[in-house]
All heavy atoms as atom14 arrays in JSON, in Angstrom:
{
  "sequence": "RAIQGWIDVKLDHKMILCRNDPVISMLRNMKEPLFVMGVNP",
  "atom14_mask": [
    [1, 1, 1, 1, 1, 1, 1, 1, 1, 1, 1, 0, 0, 0],
    [1, 1, 1, 1, 1, 0, 0, 0, 0, 0, 0, 0, 0, 0],
    [1, 1, 1, 1, 1, 1, 1, 1, 0, 0, 0, 0, 0, 0],
    [1, 1, 1, 1, 1, 1, 1, 1, 1, 0, 0, 0, 0, 0],
    [1, 1, 1, 1, 0, 0, 0, 0, 0, 0, 0, 0, 0, 0],
    [1, 1, 1, 1, 1, 1, 1, 1, 1, 1, 1, 1, 1, 1],
    [1, 1, 1, 1, 1, 1, 1, 1, 0, 0, 0, 0, 0, 0],
    [1, 1, 1, 1, 1, 1, 1, 1, 0, 0, 0, 0, 0, 0],
    [1, 1, 1, 1, 1, 1, 1, 0, 0, 0, 0, 0, 0, 0],
    [1, 1, 1, 1, 1, 1, 1, 1, 1, 0, 0, 0, 0, 0],
    [1, 1, 1, 1, 1, 1, 1, 1, 0, 0, 0, 0, 0, 0],
    [1, 1, 1, 1, 1, 1, 1, 1, 0, 0, 0, 0, 0, 0],
    [1, 1, 1, 1, 1, 1, 1, 1, 1, 1, 0, 0, 0, 0],
    [1, 1, 1, 1, 1, 1, 1, 1, 1, 0, 0, 0, 0, 0],
    [1, 1, 1, 1, 1, 1, 1, 1, 0, 0, 0, 0, 0, 0],
    [1, 1, 1, 1, 1, 1, 1, 1, 0, 0, 0, 0, 0, 0],
    [1, 1, 1, 1, 1, 1, 1, 1, 0, 0, 0, 0, 0, 0],
    [1, 1, 1, 1, 1, 1, 0, 0, 0, 0, 0, 0, 0, 0],
    [1, 1, 1, 1, 1, 1, 1, 1, 1, 1, 1, 0, 0, 0],
    [1, 1, 1, 1, 1, 1, 1, 1, 0, 0, 0, 0, 0, 0],
    [1, 1, 1, 1, 1, 1, 1, 1, 0, 0, 0, 0, 0, 0],
    [1, 1, 1, 1, 1, 1, 1, 0, 0, 0, 0, 0, 0, 0],
    [1, 1, 1, 1, 1, 1, 1, 0, 0, 0, 0, 0, 0, 0],
    [1, 1, 1, 1, 1, 1, 1, 1, 0, 0, 0, 0, 0, 0],
    [1, 1, 1, 1, 1, 1, 0, 0, 0, 0, 0, 0, 0, 0],
    [1, 1, 1, 1, 1, 1, 1, 1, 0, 0, 0, 0, 0, 0],
    [1, 1, 1, 1, 1, 1, 1, 1, 0, 0, 0, 0, 0, 0],
    [1, 1, 1, 1, 1, 1, 1, 1, 1, 1, 1, 0, 0, 0],
    [1, 1, 1, 1, 1, 1, 1, 1, 0, 0, 0, 0, 0, 0],
    [1, 1, 1, 1, 1, 1, 1, 1, 0, 0, 0, 0, 0, 0],
    [1, 1, 1, 1, 1, 1, 1, 1, 1, 0, 0, 0, 0, 0],
    [1, 1, 1, 1, 1, 1, 1, 1, 1, 0, 0, 0, 0, 0],
    [1, 1, 1, 1, 1, 1, 1, 0, 0, 0, 0, 0, 0, 0],
    [1, 1, 1, 1, 1, 1, 1, 1, 0, 0, 0, 0, 0, 0],
    [1, 1, 1, 1, 1, 1, 1, 1, 1, 1, 1, 0, 0, 0],
    [1, 1, 1, 1, 1, 1, 1, 0, 0, 0, 0, 0, 0, 0],
    [1, 1, 1, 1, 1, 1, 1, 1, 0, 0, 0, 0, 0, 0],
    [1, 1, 1, 1, 0, 0, 0, 0, 0, 0, 0, 0, 0, 0],
    [1, 1, 1, 1, 1, 1, 1, 0, 0, 0, 0, 0, 0, 0],
    [1, 1, 1, 1, 1, 1, 1, 1, 0, 0, 0, 0, 0, 0],
    [1, 1, 1, 1, 1, 1, 1, 0, 0, 0, 0, 0, 0, 0]
  ],
  "atom14_positions": [
    [[0.84, -1.21, 0.0], [0.0, 0.0, 0.0], [0.87, 1.26, 0.0], [0.65, 2.18, -0.78], [-0.94, -0.01, 1.19], [-1.93, 1.14, 1.2], [-2.98, 1.07, 2.3], [-2.6, 0.39, 3.53], [-3.08, -0.8, 3.93], [-3.96, -1.45, 3.2], [-2.68, -1.32, 5.07], [0.0, 0.0, 0.0], [0.0, 0.0, 0.0], [0.0, 0.0, 0.0]],
    [[1.86, 1.31, 0.85], [2.67, 2.53, 1.0], [3.71, 2.68, -0.12], [3.72, 3.7, -0.81], [3.36, 2.54, 2.36], [0.0, 0.0, 0.0], [0.0, 0.0, 0.0], [0.0, 0.0, 0.0], [0.0, 0.0, 0.0], [0.0, 0.0, 0.0], [0.0, 0.0, 0.0], [0.0, 0.0, 0.0], [0.0, 0.0, 0.0], [0.0, 0.0, 0.0]],
    [[4.56, 1.7, -0.28], [5.68, 1.86, -1.21], [5.22, 1.69, -2.65], [5.58, 2.49, -3.51], [6.84, 0.91, -0.85], [7.33, 1.21, 0.57], [7.99, 1.07, -1.85], [8.34, 0.24, 1.11], [0.0, 0.0, 0.0], [0.0, 0.0, 0.0], [0.0, 0.0, 0.0], [0.0, 0.0, 0.0], [0.0, 0.0, 0.0], [0.0, 0.0, 0.0]],
    [[4.43, 0.66, -2.92], [3.93, 0.52, -4.29], [3.01, 1.69, -4.63], [3.0, 2.17, -5.76], [3.19, -0.8, -4.5], [2.75, -0.97, -5.95], [2.2, -2.36, -6.22], [2.46, -3.31, -5.52], [1.42, -2.44, -7.29], [0.0, 0.0, 0.0], [0.0, 0.0, 0.0], [0.0, 0.0, 0.0], [0.0, 0.0, 0.0], [0.0, 0.0, 0.0]],
    [[2.26, 2.17, -3.65], [1.41, 3.34, -3.87], [2.24, 4.53, -4.32], [1.88, 5.24, -5.26], [0.0, 0.0, 0.0], [0.0, 0.0, 0.0], [0.0, 0.0, 0.0], [0.0, 0.0, 0.0], [0.0, 0.0, 0.0], [0.0, 0.0, 0.0], [0.0, 0.0, 0.0], [0.0, 0.0, 0.0], [0.0, 0.0, 0.0], [0.0, 0.0, 0.0]],
    [[3.37, 4.76, -3.65], [4.25, 5.87, -4.02], [4.83, 5.64, -5.41], [4.86, 6.56, -6.25], [5.37, 6.02, -2.99], [6.29, 7.16, -3.3], [6.1, 8.47, -3.0], [7.54, 7.07, -3.99], [7.16, 9.21, -3.46], [8.05, 8.38, -4.07], [8.27, 6.02, -4.54], [9.28, 8.67, -4.69], [9.48, 6.3, -5.15], [9.98, 7.61, -5.22]],
    [[5.31, 4.42, -5.69], [5.87, 4.11, -7.01], [4.82, 4.3, -8.09], [5.1, 4.89, -9.15], [6.46, 2.68, -7.03], [7.75, 2.63, -6.2], [6.71, 2.21, -8.46], [8.3, 1.23, -5.97], [0.0, 0.0, 0.0], [0.0, 0.0, 0.0], [0.0, 0.0, 0.0], [0.0, 0.0, 0.0], [0.0, 0.0, 0.0], [0.0, 0.0, 0.0]],
    [[3.59, 3.82, -7.85], [2.52, 3.97, -8.84], [2.25, 5.43, -9.18], [2.04, 5.78, -10.34], [1.23, 3.31, -8.35], [1.28, 1.79, -8.38], [2.22, 1.22, -8.98], [0.37, 1.17, -7.79], [0.0, 0.0, 0.0], [0.0, 0.0, 0.0], [0.0, 0.0, 0.0], [0.0, 0.0, 0.0], [0.0, 0.0, 0.0], [0.0, 0.0, 0.0]],
    [[2.28, 6.3, -8.18], [1.98, 7.71, -8.4], [3.18, 8.45, -9.01], [3.03, 9.24, -9.94], [1.56, 8.39, -7.08], [1.51, 9.91, -7.21], [0.22, 7.86, -6.63], [0.0, 0.0, 0.0], [0.0, 0.0, 0.0], [0.0, 0.0, 0.0], [0.0, 0.0, 0.0], [0.0, 0.0, 0.0], [0.0, 0.0, 0.0], [0.0, 0.0, 0.0]],
    [[4.37, 8.2, -8.49], [5.55, 9.0, -8.86], [6.35, 8.45, -10.04], [6.89, 9.23, -10.82], [6.48, 9.15, -7.66], [5.88, 9.88, -6.5], [5.63, 11.32, -6.85], [5.14, 12.09, -5.64], [5.0, 13.51, -5.92], [0.0, 0.0, 0.0], [0.0, 0.0, 0.0], [0.0, 0.0, 0.0], [0.0, 0.0, 0.0], [0.0, 0.0, 0.0]],
    [[6.48, 7.12, -10.17], [7.41, 6.56, -11.14], [6.77, 5.73, -12.26], [7.28, 5.71, -13.38], [8.44, 5.67, -10.42], [9.25, 6.34, -9.31], [10.18, 5.33, -8.67], [10.01, 7.55, -9.82], [0.0, 0.0, 0.0], [0.0, 0.0, 0.0], [0.0, 0.0, 0.0], [0.0, 0.0, 0.0], [0.0, 0.0, 0.0], [0.0, 0.0, 0.0]],
    [[5.68, 5.04, -11.95], [5.1, 4.12, -12.94], [4.59, 4.87, -14.17], [3.85, 5.85, -14.05], [3.96, 3.32, -12.31], [3.47, 2.21, -13.24], [4.3, 1.53, -13.86], [2.24, 2.04, -13.34], [0.0, 0.0, 0.0], [0.0, 0.0, 0.0], [0.0, 0.0, 0.0], [0.0, 0.0, 0.0], [0.0, 0.0, 0.0], [0.0, 0.0, 0.0]],
    [[5.0, 4.41, -15.34], [4.62, 5.0, -16.63], [5.0, 6.48, -16.72], [4.28, 7.28, -17.3], [3.15, 4.76, -16.93], [2.88, 3.37, -17.38], [2.71, 2.34, -16.46], [2.8, 2.82, -18.61], [2.52, 1.21, -17.13], [2.58, 1.47, -18.42], [0.0, 0.0, 0.0], [0.0, 0.0, 0.0], [0.0, 0.0, 0.0], [0.0, 0.0, 0.0]],
    [[6.14, 6.81, -16.12], [6.68, 8.16, -16.2], [8.02, 8.12, -16.93], [8.71, 7.1, -16.92], [6.93, 8.74, -14.8], [5.75, 8.79, -13.87], [4.77, 9.85, -14.24], [3.72, 10.11, -13.2], [2.83, 9.02, -12.87], [0.0, 0.0, 0.0], [0.0, 0.0, 0.0], [0.0, 0.0, 0.0], [0.0, 0.0, 0.0], [0.0, 0.0, 0.0]],
    [[8.38, 9.23, -17.54], [9.71, 9.4, -18.09], [10.54, 9.98, -16.94], [10.23, 11.06, -16.43], [9.69, 10.35, -19.29], [11.0, 10.47, -20.0], [11.69, 8.93, -20.67], [10.52, 8.54, -21.96], [0.0, 0.0, 0.0], [0.0, 0.0, 0.0], [0.0, 0.0, 0.0], [0.0, 0.0, 0.0], [0.0, 0.0, 0.0], [0.0, 0.0, 0.0]],
    [[11.55, 9.24, -16.5], [12.38, 9.65, -15.37], [13.68, 10.23, -15.94], [14.43, 9.54, -16.63], [12.68, 8.45, -14.44], [11.36, 7.82, -13.97], [13.53, 8.9, -13.26], [11.53, 6.51, -13.22], [0.0, 0.0, 0.0], [0.0, 0.0, 0.0], [0.0, 0.0, 0.0], [0.0, 0.0, 0.0], [0.0, 0.0, 0.0], [0.0, 0.0, 0.0]],
    [[13.9, 11.52, -15.67], [15.02, 12.22, -16.28], [15.8, 13.03, -15.25], [15.26, 13.43, -14.21], [14.5, 13.19, -17.36], [13.75, 12.53, -18.52], [13.08, 13.58, -19.38], [14.68, 11.66, -19.34], [0.0, 0.0, 0.0], [0.0, 0.0, 0.0], [0.0, 0.0, 0.0], [0.0, 0.0, 0.0], [0.0, 0.0, 0.0], [0.0, 0.0, 0.0]],
    [[17.05, 13.31, -15.58], [17.88, 14.19, -14.77], [17.42, 15.63, -15.0], [17.06, 15.99, -16.13], [19.35, 14.03, -15.19], [20.47, 15.15, -14.34], [0.0, 0.0, 0.0], [0.0, 0.0, 0.0], [0.0, 0.0, 0.0], [0.0, 0.0, 0.0], [0.0, 0.0, 0.0], [0.0, 0.0, 0.0], [0.0, 0.0, 0.0], [0.0, 0.0, 0.0]],
    [[17.45, 16.44, -13.97], [16.96, 17.82, -14.07], [17.68, 18.64, -15.14], [17.18, 19.66, -15.6], [17.03, 18.51, -12.73], [18.44, 18.81, -12.29], [18.48, 19.65, -11.02], [19.83, 19.68, -10.51], [20.18, 19.35, -9.29], [19.27, 19.01, -8.42], [21.44, 19.4, -8.92], [0.0, 0.0, 0.0], [0.0, 0.0, 0.0], [0.0, 0.0, 0.0]],
    [[18.88, 18.21, -15.56], [19.63, 18.92, -16.59], [19.29, 18.48, -18.01], [19.86, 18.99, -18.96], [21.14, 18.72, -16.37], [21.59, 19.25, -15.03], [21.03, 20.2, -14.5], [22.59, 18.62, -14.46], [0.0, 0.0, 0.0], [0.0, 0.0, 0.0], [0.0, 0.0, 0.0], [0.0, 0.0, 0.0], [0.0, 0.0, 0.0], [0.0, 0.0, 0.0]],
    [[18.37, 17.55, -18.15], [18.05, 17.02, -19.47], [17.29, 18.07, -20.28], [16.24, 18.55, -19.86], [17.22, 15.74, -19.35], [17.21, 14.94, -20.62], [16.97, 15.52, -21.69], [17.45, 13.72, -20.55], [0.0, 0.0, 0.0], [0.0, 0.0, 0.0], [0.0, 0.0, 0.0], [0.0, 0.0, 0.0], [0.0, 0.0, 0.0], [0.0, 0.0, 0.0]],
    [[17.79, 18.42, -21.46], [17.14, 19.46, -22.26], [15.76, 19.06, -22.82], [14.99, 19.93, -23.23], [18.12, 19.73, -23.4], [19.0, 18.53, -23.45], [19.03, 17.95, -22.07], [0.0, 0.0, 0.0], [0.0, 0.0, 0.0], [0.0, 0.0, 0.0], [0.0, 0.0, 0.0], [0.0, 0.0, 0.0], [0.0, 0.0, 0.0], [0.0, 0.0, 0.0]],
    [[15.42, 17.8, -22.79], [14.13, 17.37, -23.33], [12.97, 17.62, -22.35], [11.81, 17.56, -22.73], [14.2, 15.88, -23.76], [14.1, 14.95, -22.58], [13.14, 15.55, -24.78], [0.0, 0.0, 0.0], [0.0, 0.0, 0.0], [0.0, 0.0, 0.0], [0.0, 0.0, 0.0], [0.0, 0.0, 0.0], [0.0, 0.0, 0.0], [0.0, 0.0, 0.0]],
    [[13.28, 17.95, -21.11], [12.25, 18.14, -20.09], [11.24, 19.21, -20.49], [10.03, 19.01, -20.38], [12.87, 18.44, -18.71], [13.57, 17.18, -18.16], [11.82, 18.94, -17.73], [14.36, 17.42, -16.89], [0.0, 0.0, 0.0], [0.0, 0.0, 0.0], [0.0, 0.0, 0.0], [0.0, 0.0, 0.0], [0.0, 0.0, 0.0], [0.0, 0.0, 0.0]],
    [[11.71, 20.35, -20.95], [10.78, 21.43, -21.28], [9.83, 21.03, -22.4], [8.63, 21.34, -22.34], [11.53, 22.72, -21.63], [12.35, 22.51, -22.75], [0.0, 0.0, 0.0], [0.0, 0.0, 0.0], [0.0, 0.0, 0.0], [0.0, 0.0, 0.0], [0.0, 0.0, 0.0], [0.0, 0.0, 0.0], [0.0, 0.0, 0.0], [0.0, 0.0, 0.0]],
    [[10.32, 20.32, -23.39], [9.46, 19.87, -24.48], [8.41, 18.88, -23.96], [7.23, 18.99, -24.29], [10.28, 19.19, -25.58], [9.43, 18.69, -26.74], [10.35, 17.73, -27.93], [10.66, 16.25, -27.01], [0.0, 0.0, 0.0], [0.0, 0.0, 0.0], [0.0, 0.0, 0.0], [0.0, 0.0, 0.0], [0.0, 0.0, 0.0], [0.0, 0.0, 0.0]],
    [[8.83, 17.93, -23.12], [7.89, 16.95, -22.59], [6.86, 17.62, -21.67], [5.69, 17.24, -21.68], [8.64, 15.84, -21.86], [9.48, 14.92, -22.75], [10.29, 13.96, -21.9], [8.62, 14.18, -23.73], [0.0, 0.0, 0.0], [0.0, 0.0, 0.0], [0.0, 0.0, 0.0], [0.0, 0.0, 0.0], [0.0, 0.0, 0.0], [0.0, 0.0, 0.0]],
    [[7.29, 18.61, -20.91], [6.33, 19.35, -20.06], [5.31, 20.08, -20.91], [4.12, 20.11, -20.59], [7.06, 20.32, -19.14], [7.65, 19.64, -17.94], [8.15, 20.63, -16.91], [8.56, 19.92, -15.71], [9.63, 20.2, -15.0], [10.42, 21.2, -15.34], [9.92, 19.5, -13.93], [0.0, 0.0, 0.0], [0.0, 0.0, 0.0], [0.0, 0.0, 0.0]],
    [[5.78, 20.71, -22.0], [4.86, 21.41, -22.91], [3.85, 20.45, -23.52], [2.71, 20.84, -23.81], [5.63, 22.13, -24.01], [6.36, 23.35, -23.5], [6.03, 23.9, -22.45], [7.38, 23.77, -24.23], [0.0, 0.0, 0.0], [0.0, 0.0, 0.0], [0.0, 0.0, 0.0], [0.0, 0.0, 0.0], [0.0, 0.0, 0.0], [0.0, 0.0, 0.0]],
    [[4.25, 19.21, -23.72], [3.36, 18.19, -24.29], [2.51, 17.53, -23.21], [1.72, 16.65, -23.5], [4.2, 17.13, -25.03], [4.94, 17.67, -26.23], [6.09, 16.45, -26.93], [4.96, 15.17, -27.41], [0.0, 0.0, 0.0], [0.0, 0.0, 0.0], [0.0, 0.0, 0.0], [0.0, 0.0, 0.0], [0.0, 0.0, 0.0], [0.0, 0.0, 0.0]],
    [[2.71, 17.96, -21.95], [1.98, 17.4, -20.8], [2.23, 15.9, -20.62], [1.36, 15.14, -20.2], [0.5, 17.71, -20.88], [0.23, 19.21, -20.93], [-1.17, 19.55, -20.6], [-1.52, 21.0, -20.67], [-0.57, 22.0, -20.46], [0.0, 0.0, 0.0], [0.0, 0.0, 0.0], [0.0, 0.0, 0.0], [0.0, 0.0, 0.0], [0.0, 0.0, 0.0]],
    [[3.45, 15.49, -20.95], [3.86, 14.1, -20.76], [4.22, 13.88, -19.29], [4.76, 14.77, -18.63], [5.07, 13.76, -21.64], [4.74, 13.68, -23.11], [3.84, 12.52, -23.46], [3.94, 11.45, -22.81], [3.01, 12.67, -24.37], [0.0, 0.0, 0.0], [0.0, 0.0, 0.0], [0.0, 0.0, 0.0], [0.0, 0.0, 0.0], [0.0, 0.0, 0.0]],
    [[3.92, 12.7, -18.74], [4.22, 12.43, -17.33], [5.72, 12.27, -17.09], [6.38, 11.47, -17.75], [3.46, 11.14, -17.04], [3.23, 10.51, -18.37], [3.21, 11.6, -19.39], [0.0, 0.0, 0.0], [0.0, 0.0, 0.0], [0.0, 0.0, 0.0], [0.0, 0.0, 0.0], [0.0, 0.0, 0.0], [0.0, 0.0, 0.0], [0.0, 0.0, 0.0]],
    [[6.23, 13.05, -16.15], [7.67, 13.08, -15.85], [7.92, 12.9, -14.36], [7.1, 13.26, -13.53], [8.26, 14.45, -16.21], [8.33, 14.88, -17.65], [8.75, 16.34, -17.71], [9.29, 14.02, -18.41], [0.0, 0.0, 0.0], [0.0, 0.0, 0.0], [0.0, 0.0, 0.0], [0.0, 0.0, 0.0], [0.0, 0.0, 0.0], [0.0, 0.0, 0.0]],
    [[9.11, 12.38, -14.06], [9.66, 12.44, -12.72], [11.08, 12.94, -12.91], [11.87, 12.33, -13.64], [9.66, 11.08, -12.03], [10.15, 11.16, -10.61], [9.27, 11.44, -9.57], [11.49, 10.99, -10.31], [9.72, 11.55, -8.27], [11.95, 11.09, -9.01], [11.06, 11.37, -7.98], [0.0, 0.0, 0.0], [0.0, 0.0, 0.0], [0.0, 0.0, 0.0]],
    [[11.42, 14.06, -12.3], [12.72, 14.68, -12.49], [13.57, 14.45, -11.25], [13.13, 14.7, -10.13], [12.57, 16.19, -12.79], [13.93, 16.85, -12.94], [11.73, 16.39, -14.06], [0.0, 0.0, 0.0], [0.0, 0.0, 0.0], [0.0, 0.0, 0.0], [0.0, 0.0, 0.0], [0.0, 0.0, 0.0], [0.0, 0.0, 0.0], [0.0, 0.0, 0.0]],
    [[14.78, 13.97, -11.49], [15.74, 13.69, -10.42], [16.9, 14.68, -10.47], [17.18, 15.25, -11.54], [16.3, 12.27, -10.57], [15.27, 11.17, -10.48], [15.99, 9.51, -10.69], [17.07, 9.4, -9.27], [0.0, 0.0, 0.0], [0.0, 0.0, 0.0], [0.0, 0.0, 0.0], [0.0, 0.0, 0.0], [0.0, 0.0, 0.0], [0.0, 0.0, 0.0]],
    [[17.59, 14.84, -9.38], [18.77, 15.7, -9.34], [20.0, 15.03, -9.93], [21.02, 15.69, -10.13], [0.0, 0.0, 0.0], [0.0, 0.0, 0.0], [0.0, 0.0, 0.0], [0.0, 0.0, 0.0], [0.0, 0.0, 0.0], [0.0, 0.0, 0.0], [0.0, 0.0, 0.0], [0.0, 0.0, 0.0], [0.0, 0.0, 0.0], [0.0, 0.0, 0.0]],
    [[19.91, 13.73, -10.18], [21.03, 12.96, -10.7], [20.56, 12.14, -11.91], [19.37, 12.05, -12.18], [21.6, 12.0, -9.63], [22.23, 12.79, -8.49], [20.51, 11.08, -9.1], [0.0, 0.0, 0.0], [0.0, 0.0, 0.0], [0.0, 0.0, 0.0], [0.0, 0.0, 0.0], [0.0, 0.0, 0.0], [0.0, 0.0, 0.0], [0.0, 0.0, 0.0]],
    [[21.51, 11.56, -12.61], [21.18, 10.7, -13.74], [20.3, 9.53, -13.26], [20.59, 8.93, -12.22], [22.47, 10.13, -14.34], [22.63, 10.45, -15.81], [21.78, 11.05, -16.44], [23.76, 10.03, -16.36], [0.0, 0.0, 0.0], [0.0, 0.0, 0.0], [0.0, 0.0, 0.0], [0.0, 0.0, 0.0], [0.0, 0.0, 0.0], [0.0, 0.0, 0.0]],
    [[19.24, 9.2, -13.98], [18.32, 8.14, -13.54], [18.85, 6.73, -13.86], [18.22, 5.95, -14.57], [17.04, 8.47, -14.3], [17.51, 9.11, -15.56], [18.73, 9.9, -15.17], [0.0, 0.0, 0.0], [0.0, 0.0, 0.0], [0.0, 0.0, 0.0], [0.0, 0.0, 0.0], [0.0, 0.0, 0.0], [0.0, 0.0, 0.0], [0.0, 0.0, 0.0]]
  ]
}
């Protein structure tokens, strides 16, 4: 319930990217689901 719940909301079927990735702004504009990390994923 707790950990899978968090994974389902935050990571499942998301594009997980480093905050420095230049594609983030394009994906945000397209309203694509993202999870942004401070480090390489």
